[in-house]
Amino acid sequence: MAERKAFPLRLDHAVFDAVQRWADDELRSVNAQIEFILRDALARRGRLPKGQRGDKTDEAG
């Protein structure tokens, strides 16, 4: 498993609440949801190396 970097993140209350609801809908923690959102945005913009997105399509090849 990749090493993780911990850092503080300040969010507007409305943004946090929206992410919390989204995470709840997808049965994730807020932390996992934020990482999912960031990875997806990076992958869509070609800023994440292929195979680093963490979804099943990348694992398959």
N, C-alpha and C. Protein backbone atom coordinates (compact mmCIF):
# COMPACT_ATOMS: atom_id res chain seq x y z
N MET A 1 0.84 -1.17 0.00
CA MET A 1 0.00 0.00 0.00
C MET A 1 0.89 1.25 0.00
N ALA A 2 0.47 2.26 -0.73
CA ALA A 2 1.23 3.49 -0.82
C ALA A 2 1.25 4.23 0.51
N GLU A 3 2.37 4.88 0.76
CA GLU A 3 2.49 5.69 1.96
C GLU A 3 1.56 6.90 1.84
N ARG A 4 0.95 7.28 2.94
CA ARG A 4 0.01 8.39 2.93
C ARG A 4 0.61 9.61 3.61
N LYS A 5 0.25 10.78 3.14
CA LYS A 5 0.69 12.04 3.71
C LYS A 5 -0.49 12.68 4.44
N ALA A 6 -0.32 12.96 5.70
CA ALA A 6 -1.36 13.61 6.49
C ALA A 6 -1.12 15.12 6.49
N PHE A 7 -2.20 15.90 6.34
CA PHE A 7 -2.08 17.35 6.42
C PHE A 7 -3.45 17.93 6.78
N PRO A 8 -3.44 19.08 7.45
CA PRO A 8 -4.72 19.70 7.83
C PRO A 8 -5.39 20.32 6.60
N LEU A 9 -6.69 20.29 6.57
CA LEU A 9 -7.45 20.87 5.46
C LEU A 9 -8.61 21.67 6.04
N ARG A 10 -8.68 22.91 5.69
CA ARG A 10 -9.78 23.76 6.16
C ARG A 10 -10.79 23.89 5.03
N LEU A 11 -12.05 23.64 5.34
CA LEU A 11 -13.12 23.75 4.35
C LEU A 11 -14.23 24.63 4.89
N ASP A 12 -14.88 25.31 3.98
CA ASP A 12 -16.09 26.04 4.31
C ASP A 12 -17.13 25.03 4.81
N HIS A 13 -17.94 25.41 5.77
CA HIS A 13 -18.92 24.48 6.35
C HIS A 13 -19.87 23.91 5.29
N ALA A 14 -20.31 24.74 4.36
CA ALA A 14 -21.24 24.26 3.33
C ALA A 14 -20.57 23.22 2.43
N VAL A 15 -19.28 23.43 2.11
CA VAL A 15 -18.55 22.47 1.28
C VAL A 15 -18.39 21.15 2.05
N PHE A 16 -18.00 21.25 3.31
CA PHE A 16 -17.84 20.04 4.12
C PHE A 16 -19.16 19.27 4.21
N ASP A 17 -20.25 19.98 4.47
CA ASP A 17 -21.56 19.32 4.58
C ASP A 17 -21.94 18.62 3.28
N ALA A 18 -21.66 19.26 2.15
CA ALA A 18 -21.97 18.64 0.85
C ALA A 18 -21.13 17.39 0.63
N VAL A 19 -19.84 17.46 0.97
CA VAL A 19 -18.96 16.29 0.82
C VAL A 19 -19.41 15.19 1.78
N GLN A 20 -19.80 15.54 2.98
CA GLN A 20 -20.28 14.56 3.96
C GLN A 20 -21.51 13.82 3.44
N ARG A 21 -22.46 14.55 2.87
CA ARG A 21 -23.67 13.91 2.31
C ARG A 21 -23.30 12.98 1.15
N TRP A 22 -22.41 13.44 0.28
CA TRP A 22 -21.97 12.64 -0.86
C TRP A 22 -21.26 11.38 -0.36
N ALA A 23 -20.39 11.53 0.61
CA ALA A 23 -19.68 10.38 1.19
C ALA A 23 -20.66 9.39 1.81
N ASP A 24 -21.64 9.89 2.53
CA ASP A 24 -22.65 9.03 3.13
C ASP A 24 -23.41 8.25 2.06
N ASP A 25 -23.76 8.92 0.97
CA ASP A 25 -24.48 8.26 -0.13
C ASP A 25 -23.67 7.13 -0.74
N GLU A 26 -22.34 7.27 -0.76
CA GLU A 26 -21.48 6.28 -1.39
C GLU A 26 -20.76 5.38 -0.37
N LEU A 27 -21.20 5.46 0.88
CA LEU A 27 -20.67 4.63 1.96
C LEU A 27 -19.16 4.77 2.12
N ARG A 28 -18.70 6.03 2.07
CA ARG A 28 -17.29 6.33 2.28
C ARG A 28 -17.15 7.30 3.44
N SER A 29 -15.95 7.39 3.98
CA SER A 29 -15.65 8.44 4.95
C SER A 29 -15.45 9.74 4.17
N VAL A 30 -15.51 10.86 4.88
CA VAL A 30 -15.25 12.14 4.23
C VAL A 30 -13.84 12.15 3.65
N ASN A 31 -12.87 11.64 4.40
CA ASN A 31 -11.50 11.58 3.92
C ASN A 31 -11.39 10.78 2.61
N ALA A 32 -12.01 9.61 2.58
CA ALA A 32 -11.97 8.78 1.37
C ALA A 32 -12.68 9.47 0.21
N GLN A 33 -13.76 10.18 0.50
CA GLN A 33 -14.49 10.88 -0.56
C GLN A 33 -13.65 12.00 -1.14
N ILE A 34 -12.98 12.76 -0.30
CA ILE A 34 -12.11 13.84 -0.78
C ILE A 34 -11.01 13.27 -1.65
N GLU A 35 -10.39 12.17 -1.22
CA GLU A 35 -9.34 11.55 -2.02
C GLU A 35 -9.90 11.05 -3.35
N PHE A 36 -11.09 10.47 -3.34
CA PHE A 36 -11.74 10.00 -4.56
C PHE A 36 -11.97 11.17 -5.53
N ILE A 37 -12.49 12.28 -5.02
CA ILE A 37 -12.75 13.45 -5.84
C ILE A 37 -11.46 14.00 -6.44
N LEU A 38 -10.43 14.11 -5.62
CA LEU A 38 -9.14 14.62 -6.11
C LEU A 38 -8.52 13.70 -7.16
N ARG A 39 -8.54 12.39 -6.89
CA ARG A 39 -7.97 11.45 -7.87
C ARG A 39 -8.73 11.51 -9.20
N ASP A 40 -10.05 11.59 -9.13
CA ASP A 40 -10.86 11.65 -10.33
C ASP A 40 -10.54 12.92 -11.13
N ALA A 41 -10.47 14.06 -10.44
CA ALA A 41 -10.16 15.32 -11.11
C ALA A 41 -8.77 15.28 -11.75
N LEU A 42 -7.78 14.76 -11.02
CA LEU A 42 -6.42 14.65 -11.56
C LEU A 42 -6.36 13.72 -12.77
N ALA A 43 -7.04 12.59 -12.69
CA ALA A 43 -7.03 11.63 -13.80
C ALA A 43 -7.72 12.23 -15.02
N ARG A 44 -8.82 12.91 -14.83
CA ARG A 44 -9.54 13.51 -15.96
C ARG A 44 -8.71 14.57 -16.68
N ARG A 45 -7.82 15.19 -15.97
CA ARG A 45 -6.99 16.24 -16.56
C ARG A 45 -5.60 15.75 -16.95
N GLY A 46 -5.40 14.44 -16.85
CA GLY A 46 -4.12 13.87 -17.27
C GLY A 46 -2.96 14.21 -16.35
N ARG A 47 -3.24 14.48 -15.10
CA ARG A 47 -2.19 14.87 -14.16
C ARG A 47 -1.85 13.75 -13.18
N LEU A 48 -2.47 12.61 -13.34
CA LEU A 48 -2.21 11.46 -12.48
C LEU A 48 -1.68 10.35 -13.37
N PRO A 49 -0.54 9.75 -13.02
CA PRO A 49 0.00 8.68 -13.86
C PRO A 49 -1.00 7.55 -14.05
N LYS A 50 -1.04 6.98 -15.25
CA LYS A 50 -1.94 5.87 -15.54
C LYS A 50 -1.71 4.76 -14.52
N GLY A 51 -2.79 4.17 -14.03
CA GLY A 51 -2.70 3.11 -13.04
C GLY A 51 -2.71 3.63 -11.61
N GLN A 52 -2.72 4.94 -11.43
CA GLN A 52 -2.70 5.52 -10.09
C GLN A 52 -4.07 6.01 -9.64
N ARG A 53 -5.11 5.83 -10.46
CA ARG A 53 -6.43 6.35 -10.10
C ARG A 53 -7.05 5.55 -8.97
N GLY A 54 -6.79 4.25 -8.95
CA GLY A 54 -7.29 3.45 -7.85
C GLY A 54 -8.63 2.80 -8.11
N ASP A 55 -9.10 2.83 -9.37
CA ASP A 55 -10.36 2.16 -9.65
C ASP A 55 -10.10 0.84 -10.37
N LYS A 56 -11.14 0.05 -10.56
CA LYS A 56 -10.99 -1.28 -11.13
C LYS A 56 -10.50 -1.27 -12.57
N THR A 57 -10.80 -0.23 -13.34
CA THR A 57 -10.35 -0.20 -14.72
C THR A 57 -8.84 -0.09 -14.81
N ASP A 58 -8.23 0.62 -13.88
CA ASP A 58 -6.77 0.72 -13.90
C ASP A 58 -6.10 -0.56 -13.44
N GLU A 59 -6.72 -1.27 -12.51
CA GLU A 59 -6.14 -2.52 -12.01
C GLU A 59 -6.16 -3.60 -13.08
N ALA A 60 -7.15 -3.56 -13.98
CA ALA A 60 -7.28 -4.59 -14.99
C ALA A 60 -6.27 -4.42 -16.12
N GLY A 61 -5.69 -3.26 -16.26
CA GLY A 61 -4.69 -3.14 -17.27
C GLY A 61 -4.79 -1.90 -18.03
